[in-house]
Amino acid sequence: MNEGNSYILPYMLMAVTLGFMMGWGFGEQTGRKDSAEDLIDELRDRLQSSTDLTRQLKQLQAVINDLHRKVSAVSKGLGKHPS
């Protein structure tokens, strides 16, 4: 190698190193983004299932309240007319 071309080798090494570091950084960010998207999808599914459970619990509560009204009406009616 002559002195005119000797400066090319360090610059090429720096360019390769910089490219490697940028590629690694972008790869990490892409991995984090994919992981975050998966986590958001999982949380969305949990929220949907909890919404379904909440709706079912409200329906059960309405049924229990209706039954309680009917049972207490019958028990009050029995108390008024002793046998």
PDB file of N, CA and C in Angstrom:
ATOM      1  N   MET A   1       0.844  -1.177   0.000  1.00  0.00           N
ATOM      2  CA  MET A   1       0.000   0.000   0.000  1.00  0.00           C
ATOM      3  C   MET A   1       0.886   1.236   0.000  1.00  0.00           C
ATOM      4  N   ASN A   2       0.481   2.171  -0.786  1.00  0.00           N
ATOM      5  CA  ASN A   2       1.236   3.421  -0.779  1.00  0.00           C
ATOM      6  C   ASN A   2       0.590   4.415   0.166  1.00  0.00           C
ATOM      7  N   GLU A   3       1.232   5.511   0.419  1.00  0.00           N
ATOM      8  CA  GLU A   3       0.748   6.469   1.405  1.00  0.00           C
ATOM      9  C   GLU A   3      -0.537   7.161   0.970  1.00  0.00           C
ATOM     10  N   GLY A   4      -0.825   7.237  -0.303  1.00  0.00           N
ATOM     11  CA  GLY A   4      -2.033   7.886  -0.794  1.00  0.00           C
ATOM     12  C   GLY A   4      -3.290   7.089  -0.472  1.00  0.00           C
ATOM     13  N   ASN A   5      -3.180   5.776  -0.432  1.00  0.00           N
ATOM     14  CA  ASN A   5      -4.340   4.919  -0.170  1.00  0.00           C
ATOM     15  C   ASN A   5      -4.397   4.418   1.271  1.00  0.00           C
ATOM     16  N   SER A   6      -3.469   4.754   2.111  1.00  0.00           N
ATOM     17  CA  SER A   6      -3.434   4.222   3.465  1.00  0.00           C
ATOM     18  C   SER A   6      -4.539   4.803   4.350  1.00  0.00           C
ATOM     19  N   TYR A   7      -5.062   5.944   4.024  1.00  0.00           N
ATOM     20  CA  TYR A   7      -6.138   6.539   4.838  1.00  0.00           C
ATOM     21  C   TYR A   7      -7.499   5.884   4.558  1.00  0.00           C
ATOM     22  N   ILE A   8      -7.634   5.129   3.488  1.00  0.00           N
ATOM     23  CA  ILE A   8      -8.917   4.513   3.127  1.00  0.00           C
ATOM     24  C   ILE A   8      -9.297   3.398   4.105  1.00  0.00           C
ATOM     25  N   LEU A   9      -8.326   2.611   4.529  1.00  0.00           N
ATOM     26  CA  LEU A   9      -8.611   1.481   5.410  1.00  0.00           C
ATOM     27  C   LEU A   9      -9.266   1.900   6.733  1.00  0.00           C
ATOM     28  N   PRO A  10      -8.783   2.873   7.479  1.00  0.00           N
ATOM     29  CA  PRO A  10      -9.467   3.267   8.723  1.00  0.00           C
ATOM     30  C   PRO A  10     -10.874   3.806   8.475  1.00  0.00           C
ATOM     31  N   TYR A  11     -11.051   4.565   7.394  1.00  0.00           N
ATOM     32  CA  TYR A  11     -12.392   5.086   7.095  1.00  0.00           C
ATOM     33  C   TYR A  11     -13.365   3.974   6.723  1.00  0.00           C
ATOM     34  N   MET A  12     -12.882   2.982   5.992  1.00  0.00           N
ATOM     35  CA  MET A  12     -13.736   1.838   5.657  1.00  0.00           C
ATOM     36  C   MET A  12     -14.116   1.073   6.924  1.00  0.00           C
ATOM     37  N   LEU A  13     -13.151   0.899   7.823  1.00  0.00           N
ATOM     38  CA  LEU A  13     -13.423   0.216   9.083  1.00  0.00           C
ATOM     39  C   LEU A  13     -14.433   0.994   9.920  1.00  0.00           C
ATOM     40  N   MET A  14     -14.292   2.320   9.964  1.00  0.00           N
ATOM     41  CA  MET A  14     -15.255   3.130  10.704  1.00  0.00           C
ATOM     42  C   MET A  14     -16.644   3.060  10.064  1.00  0.00           C
ATOM     43  N   ALA A  15     -16.715   3.061   8.731  1.00  0.00           N
ATOM     44  CA  ALA A  15     -18.004   2.992   8.051  1.00  0.00           C
ATOM     45  C   ALA A  15     -18.677   1.655   8.312  1.00  0.00           C
ATOM     46  N   VAL A  16     -17.929   0.573   8.273  1.00  0.00           N
ATOM     47  CA  VAL A  16     -18.490  -0.749   8.549  1.00  0.00           C
ATOM     48  C   VAL A  16     -18.968  -0.829   9.994  1.00  0.00           C
ATOM     49  N   THR A  17     -18.180  -0.313  10.919  1.00  0.00           N
ATOM     50  CA  THR A  17     -18.564  -0.328  12.333  1.00  0.00           C
ATOM     51  C   THR A  17     -19.822   0.497  12.567  1.00  0.00           C
ATOM     52  N   LEU A  18     -19.874   1.680  11.969  1.00  0.00           N
ATOM     53  CA  LEU A  18     -21.056   2.525  12.102  1.00  0.00           C
ATOM     54  C   LEU A  18     -22.284   1.842  11.510  1.00  0.00           C
ATOM     55  N   GLY A  19     -22.145   1.233  10.353  1.00  0.00           N
ATOM     56  CA  GLY A  19     -23.260   0.503   9.734  1.00  0.00           C
ATOM     57  C   GLY A  19     -23.725  -0.652  10.598  1.00  0.00           C
ATOM     58  N   PHE A  20     -22.783  -1.387  11.178  1.00  0.00           N
ATOM     59  CA  PHE A  20     -23.136  -2.499  12.057  1.00  0.00           C
ATOM     60  C   PHE A  20     -23.896  -2.004  13.279  1.00  0.00           C
ATOM     61  N   MET A  21     -23.411  -0.922  13.911  1.00  0.00           N
ATOM     62  CA  MET A  21     -24.064  -0.392  15.100  1.00  0.00           C
ATOM     63  C   MET A  21     -25.468   0.140  14.771  1.00  0.00           C
ATOM     64  N   MET A  22     -25.610   0.806  13.638  1.00  0.00           N
ATOM     65  CA  MET A  22     -26.937   1.316  13.257  1.00  0.00           C
ATOM     66  C   MET A  22     -27.889   0.162  12.961  1.00  0.00           C
ATOM     67  N   GLY A  23     -27.403  -0.847  12.282  1.00  0.00           N
ATOM     68  CA  GLY A  23     -28.237  -2.014  11.997  1.00  0.00           C
ATOM     69  C   GLY A  23     -28.680  -2.714  13.265  1.00  0.00           C
ATOM     70  N   TRP A  24     -27.782  -2.843  14.202  1.00  0.00           N
ATOM     71  CA  TRP A  24     -28.108  -3.474  15.476  1.00  0.00           C
ATOM     72  C   TRP A  24     -29.155  -2.648  16.224  1.00  0.00           C
ATOM     73  N   GLY A  25     -28.963  -1.334  16.256  1.00  0.00           N
ATOM     74  CA  GLY A  25     -29.914  -0.456  16.934  1.00  0.00           C
ATOM     75  C   GLY A  25     -31.299  -0.500  16.308  1.00  0.00           C
ATOM     76  N   PHE A  26     -31.347  -0.445  14.982  1.00  0.00           N
ATOM     77  CA  PHE A  26     -32.650  -0.516  14.307  1.00  0.00           C
ATOM     78  C   PHE A  26     -33.308  -1.877  14.509  1.00  0.00           C
ATOM     79  N   GLY A  27     -32.500  -2.929  14.549  1.00  0.00           N
ATOM     80  CA  GLY A  27     -33.045  -4.261  14.811  1.00  0.00           C
ATOM     81  C   GLY A  27     -33.643  -4.365  16.202  1.00  0.00           C
ATOM     82  N   GLU A  28     -32.977  -3.766  17.182  1.00  0.00           N
ATOM     83  CA  GLU A  28     -33.507  -3.760  18.553  1.00  0.00           C
ATOM     84  C   GLU A  28     -34.825  -3.003  18.616  1.00  0.00           C
ATOM     85  N   GLN A  29     -34.891  -1.870  17.945  1.00  0.00           N
ATOM     86  CA  GLN A  29     -36.120  -1.076  17.960  1.00  0.00           C
ATOM     87  C   GLN A  29     -37.265  -1.825  17.278  1.00  0.00           C
ATOM     88  N   THR A  30     -36.970  -2.509  16.200  1.00  0.00           N
ATOM     89  CA  THR A  30     -37.989  -3.296  15.506  1.00  0.00           C
ATOM     90  C   THR A  30     -38.484  -4.428  16.403  1.00  0.00           C
ATOM     91  N   GLY A  31     -37.561  -5.078  17.110  1.00  0.00           N
ATOM     92  CA  GLY A  31     -37.946  -6.144  18.037  1.00  0.00           C
ATOM     93  C   GLY A  31     -38.818  -5.624  19.165  1.00  0.00           C
ATOM     94  N   ARG A  32     -38.472  -4.464  19.700  1.00  0.00           N
ATOM     95  CA  ARG A  32     -39.282  -3.869  20.771  1.00  0.00           C
ATOM     96  C   ARG A  32     -40.665  -3.507  20.255  1.00  0.00           C
ATOM     97  N   LYS A  33     -40.717  -2.982  19.024  1.00  0.00           N
ATOM     98  CA  LYS A  33     -42.005  -2.600  18.449  1.00  0.00           C
ATOM     99  C   LYS A  33     -42.888  -3.831  18.272  1.00  0.00           C
ATOM    100  N   ASP A  34     -42.323  -4.905  17.744  1.00  0.00           N
ATOM    101  CA  ASP A  34     -43.095  -6.140  17.561  1.00  0.00           C
ATOM    102  C   ASP A  34     -43.577  -6.690  18.899  1.00  0.00           C
ATOM    103  N   SER A  35     -42.690  -6.654  19.893  1.00  0.00           N
ATOM    104  CA  SER A  35     -43.063  -7.145  21.213  1.00  0.00           C
ATOM    105  C   SER A  35     -44.172  -6.289  21.816  1.00  0.00           C
ATOM    106  N   ALA A  36     -44.088  -4.977  21.641  1.00  0.00           N
ATOM    107  CA  ALA A  36     -45.120  -4.081  22.177  1.00  0.00           C
ATOM    108  C   ALA A  36     -46.452  -4.303  21.472  1.00  0.00           C
ATOM    109  N   GLU A  37     -46.419  -4.529  20.165  1.00  0.00           N
ATOM    110  CA  GLU A  37     -47.662  -4.789  19.430  1.00  0.00           C
ATOM    111  C   GLU A  37     -48.311  -6.086  19.903  1.00  0.00           C
ATOM    112  N   ASP A  38     -47.501  -7.118  20.151  1.00  0.00           N
ATOM    113  CA  ASP A  38     -48.037  -8.378  20.666  1.00  0.00           C
ATOM    114  C   ASP A  38     -48.658  -8.181  22.042  1.00  0.00           C
ATOM    115  N   LEU A  39     -47.994  -7.394  22.888  1.00  0.00           N
ATOM    116  CA  LEU A  39     -48.513  -7.127  24.227  1.00  0.00           C
ATOM    117  C   LEU A  39     -49.825  -6.354  24.160  1.00  0.00           C
ATOM    118  N   ILE A  40     -49.916  -5.394  23.256  1.00  0.00           N
ATOM    119  CA  ILE A  40     -51.149  -4.623  23.098  1.00  0.00           C
ATOM    120  C   ILE A  40     -52.283  -5.523  22.625  1.00  0.00           C
ATOM    121  N   ASP A  41     -51.999  -6.421  21.686  1.00  0.00           N
ATOM    122  CA  ASP A  41     -53.033  -7.354  21.226  1.00  0.00           C
ATOM    123  C   ASP A  41     -53.515  -8.251  22.367  1.00  0.00           C
ATOM    124  N   GLU A  42     -52.583  -8.726  23.181  1.00  0.00           N
ATOM    125  CA  GLU A  42     -52.963  -9.578  24.316  1.00  0.00           C
ATOM    126  C   GLU A  42     -53.822  -8.808  25.323  1.00  0.00           C
ATOM    127  N   LEU A  43     -53.427  -7.571  25.613  1.00  0.00           N
ATOM    128  CA  LEU A  43     -54.208  -6.763  26.544  1.00  0.00           C
ATOM    129  C   LEU A  43     -55.588  -6.430  25.988  1.00  0.00           C
ATOM    130  N   ARG A  44     -55.671  -6.212  24.677  1.00  0.00           N
ATOM    131  CA  ARG A  44     -56.962  -5.937  24.046  1.00  0.00           C
ATOM    132  C   ARG A  44     -57.881  -7.153  24.166  1.00  0.00           C
ATOM    133  N   ASP A  45     -57.312  -8.349  23.984  1.00  0.00           N
ATOM    134  CA  ASP A  45     -58.104  -9.573  24.133  1.00  0.00           C
ATOM    135  C   ASP A  45     -58.586  -9.735  25.581  1.00  0.00           C
ATOM    136  N   ARG A  46     -57.706  -9.435  26.542  1.00  0.00           N
ATOM    137  CA  ARG A  46     -58.110  -9.525  27.951  1.00  0.00           C
ATOM    138  C   ARG A  46     -59.226  -8.538  28.265  1.00  0.00           C
ATOM    139  N   LEU A  47     -59.117  -7.338  27.722  1.00  0.00           N
ATOM    140  CA  LEU A  47     -60.142  -6.330  27.965  1.00  0.00           C
ATOM    141  C   LEU A  47     -61.469  -6.761  27.382  1.00  0.00           C
ATOM    142  N   GLN A  48     -61.431  -7.344  26.185  1.00  0.00           N
ATOM    143  CA  GLN A  48     -62.665  -7.822  25.556  1.00  0.00           C
ATOM    144  C   GLN A  48     -63.292  -8.934  26.379  1.00  0.00           C
ATOM    145  N   SER A  49     -62.478  -9.863  26.875  1.00  0.00           N
ATOM    146  CA  SER A  49     -63.037 -10.962  27.674  1.00  0.00           C
ATOM    147  C   SER A  49     -63.566 -10.445  29.002  1.00  0.00           C
ATOM    148  N   SER A  50     -62.898  -9.447  29.598  1.00  0.00           N
ATOM    149  CA  SER A  50     -63.404  -8.912  30.857  1.00  0.00           C
ATOM    150  C   SER A  50     -64.698  -8.142  30.630  1.00  0.00           C
ATOM    151  N   THR A  51     -64.844  -7.498  29.468  1.00  0.00           N
ATOM    152  CA  THR A  51     -66.088  -6.806  29.142  1.00  0.00           C
ATOM    153  C   THR A  51     -67.221  -7.814  29.001  1.00  0.00           C
ATOM    154  N   ASP A  52     -66.941  -8.947  28.372  1.00  0.00           N
ATOM    155  CA  ASP A  52     -67.946 -10.002  28.256  1.00  0.00           C
ATOM    156  C   ASP A  52     -68.340 -10.531  29.628  1.00  0.00           C
ATOM    157  N   LEU A  53     -67.362 -10.720  30.512  1.00  0.00           N
ATOM    158  CA  LEU A  53     -67.657 -11.208  31.854  1.00  0.00           C
ATOM    159  C   LEU A  53     -68.483 -10.188  32.640  1.00  0.00           C
ATOM    160  N   THR A  54     -68.163  -8.931  32.481  1.00  0.00           N
ATOM    161  CA  THR A  54     -68.919  -7.883  33.177  1.00  0.00           C
ATOM    162  C   THR A  54     -70.370  -7.883  32.719  1.00  0.00           C
ATOM    163  N   ARG A  55     -70.570  -8.031  31.427  1.00  0.00           N
ATOM    164  CA  ARG A  55     -71.932  -8.073  30.897  1.00  0.00           C
ATOM    165  C   ARG A  55     -72.689  -9.283  31.438  1.00  0.00           C
ATOM    166  N   GLN A  56     -72.036 -10.429  31.500  1.00  0.00           N
ATOM    167  CA  GLN A  56     -72.671 -11.636  32.026  1.00  0.00           C
ATOM    168  C   GLN A  56     -73.002 -11.480  33.506  1.00  0.00           C
ATOM    169  N   LEU A  57     -72.093 -10.870  34.267  1.00  0.00           N
ATOM    170  CA  LEU A  57     -72.359 -10.661  35.690  1.00  0.00           C
ATOM    171  C   LEU A  57     -73.540  -9.719  35.908  1.00  0.00           C
ATOM    172  N   LYS A  58     -73.661  -8.692  35.074  1.00  0.00           N
ATOM    173  CA  LYS A  58     -74.800  -7.780  35.194  1.00  0.00           C
ATOM    174  C   LYS A  58     -76.110  -8.501  34.880  1.00  0.00           C
ATOM    175  N   GLN A  59     -76.077  -9.396  33.889  1.00  0.00           N
ATOM    176  CA  GLN A  59     -77.280 -10.179  33.572  1.00  0.00           C
ATOM    177  C   GLN A  59     -77.646 -11.090  34.744  1.00  0.00           C
ATOM    178  N   LEU A  60     -76.663 -11.738  35.338  1.00  0.00           N
ATOM    179  CA  LEU A  60     -76.930 -12.602  36.487  1.00  0.00           C
ATOM    180  C   LEU A  60     -77.456 -11.791  37.671  1.00  0.00           C
ATOM    181  N   GLN A  61     -76.919 -10.614  37.874  1.00  0.00           N
ATOM    182  CA  GLN A  61     -77.391  -9.762  38.959  1.00  0.00           C
ATOM    183  C   GLN A  61     -78.852  -9.373  38.744  1.00  0.00           C
ATOM    184  N   ALA A  62     -79.232  -9.084  37.502  1.00  0.00           N
ATOM    185  CA  ALA A  62     -80.618  -8.731  37.213  1.00  0.00           C
ATOM    186  C   ALA A  62     -81.547  -9.911  37.498  1.00  0.00           C
ATOM    187  N   VAL A  63     -81.114 -11.115  37.120  1.00  0.00           N
ATOM    188  CA  VAL A  63     -81.929 -12.312  37.364  1.00  0.00           C
ATOM    189  C   VAL A  63     -82.079 -12.550  38.864  1.00  0.00           C
ATOM    190  N   ILE A  64     -80.999 -12.406  39.612  1.00  0.00           N
ATOM    191  CA  ILE A  64     -81.062 -12.616  41.065  1.00  0.00           C
ATOM    192  C   ILE A  64     -81.963 -11.576  41.723  1.00  0.00           C
ATOM    193  N   ASN A  65     -81.879 -10.339  41.281  1.00  0.00           N
ATOM    194  CA  ASN A  65     -82.753  -9.300  41.847  1.00  0.00           C
ATOM    195  C   ASN A  65     -84.224  -9.601  41.556  1.00  0.00           C
ATOM    196  N   ASP A  66     -84.526 -10.060  40.347  1.00  0.00           N
ATOM    197  CA  ASP A  66     -85.912 -10.425  40.013  1.00  0.00           C
ATOM    198  C   ASP A  66     -86.392 -11.576  40.895  1.00  0.00           C
ATOM    199  N   LEU A  67     -85.552 -12.593  41.069  1.00  0.00           N
ATOM    200  CA  LEU A  67     -85.919 -13.721  41.920  1.00  0.00           C
ATOM    201  C   LEU A  67     -86.122 -13.275  43.368  1.00  0.00           C
ATOM    202  N   HIS A  68     -85.280 -12.397  43.845  1.00  0.00           N
ATOM    203  CA  HIS A  68     -85.409 -11.913  45.214  1.00  0.00           C
ATOM    204  C   HIS A  68     -86.730 -11.177  45.414  1.00  0.00           C
ATOM    205  N   ARG A  69     -87.113 -10.366  44.446  1.00  0.00           N
ATOM    206  CA  ARG A  69     -88.396  -9.657  44.549  1.00  0.00           C
ATOM    207  C   ARG A  69     -89.571 -10.637  44.616  1.00  0.00           C
ATOM    208  N   LYS A  70     -89.525 -11.666  43.779  1.00  0.00           N
ATOM    209  CA  LYS A  70     -90.623 -12.638  43.768  1.00  0.00           C
ATOM    210  C   LYS A  70     -90.664 -13.459  45.055  1.00  0.00           C
ATOM    211  N   VAL A  71     -89.502 -13.887  45.545  1.00  0.00           N
ATOM    212  CA  VAL A  71     -89.455 -14.697  46.758  1.00  0.00           C
ATOM    213  C   VAL A  71     -89.893 -13.859  47.956  1.00  0.00           C
ATOM    214  N   SER A  72     -89.425 -12.628  48.045  1.00  0.00           N
ATOM    215  CA  SER A  72     -89.824 -11.807  49.192  1.00  0.00           C
ATOM    216  C   SER A  72     -91.304 -11.453  49.116  1.00  0.00           C
ATOM    217  N   ALA A  73     -91.866 -11.301  47.917  1.00  0.00           N
ATOM    218  CA  ALA A  73     -93.304 -11.041  47.810  1.00  0.00           C
ATOM    219  C   ALA A  73     -94.109 -12.250  48.287  1.00  0.00           C
ATOM    220  N   VAL A  74     -93.659 -13.455  47.919  1.00  0.00           N
ATOM    221  CA  VAL A  74     -94.339 -14.668  48.336  1.00  0.00           C
ATOM    222  C   VAL A  74     -94.204 -14.857  49.844  1.00  0.00           C
ATOM    223  N   SER A  75     -92.995 -14.628  50.386  1.00  0.00           N
ATOM    224  CA  SER A  75     -92.801 -14.830  51.823  1.00  0.00           C
ATOM    225  C   SER A  75     -93.575 -13.796  52.636  1.00  0.00           C
ATOM    226  N   LYS A  76     -93.726 -12.576  52.137  1.00  0.00           N
ATOM    227  CA  LYS A  76     -94.520 -11.571  52.843  1.00  0.00           C
ATOM    228  C   LYS A  76     -96.003 -11.950  52.791  1.00  0.00           C
ATOM    229  N   GLY A  77     -96.435 -12.488  51.655  1.00  0.00           N
ATOM    230  CA  GLY A  77     -97.809 -12.918  51.521  1.00  0.00           C
ATOM    231  C   GLY A  77     -98.140 -14.066  52.449  1.00  0.00           C
ATOM    232  N   LEU A  78     -97.202 -14.968  52.659  1.00  0.00           N
ATOM    233  CA  LEU A  78     -97.424 -16.105  53.565  1.00  0.00           C
ATOM    234  C   LEU A  78     -97.499 -15.626  55.016  1.00  0.00           C
ATOM    235  N   GLY A  79     -96.757 -14.596  55.337  1.00  0.00           N
ATOM    236  CA  GLY A  79     -96.749 -14.086  56.701  1.00  0.00           C
ATOM    237  C   GLY A  79     -98.076 -13.425  57.069  1.00  0.00           C
ATOM    238  N   LYS A  80     -98.826 -12.895  56.142  1.00  0.00           N
ATOM    239  CA  LYS A  80    -100.083 -12.203  56.416  1.00  0.00           C
ATOM    240  C   LYS A  80    -101.214 -13.159  56.669  1.00  0.00           C
ATOM    241  N   HIS A  81    -101.175 -14.335  56.067  1.00  0.00           N
ATOM    242  CA  HIS A  81    -102.262 -15.302  56.195  1.00  0.00           C
ATOM    243  C   HIS A  81    -101.767 -16.517  56.952  1.00  0.00           C
ATOM    244  N   PRO A  82    -101.868 -16.509  58.263  1.00  0.00           N
ATOM    245  CA  PRO A  82    -101.414 -17.700  59.023  1.00  0.00           C
ATOM    246  C   PRO A  82    -102.393 -18.851  58.814  1.00  0.00           C
ATOM    247  N   SER A  83    -101.849 -20.027  58.783  1.00  0.00           N
ATOM    248  CA  SER A  83    -102.695 -21.206  58.555  1.00  0.00           C
ATOM    249  C   SER A  83    -103.209 -21.802  59.824  1.00  0.00           C
TER     250      SER A  83
END
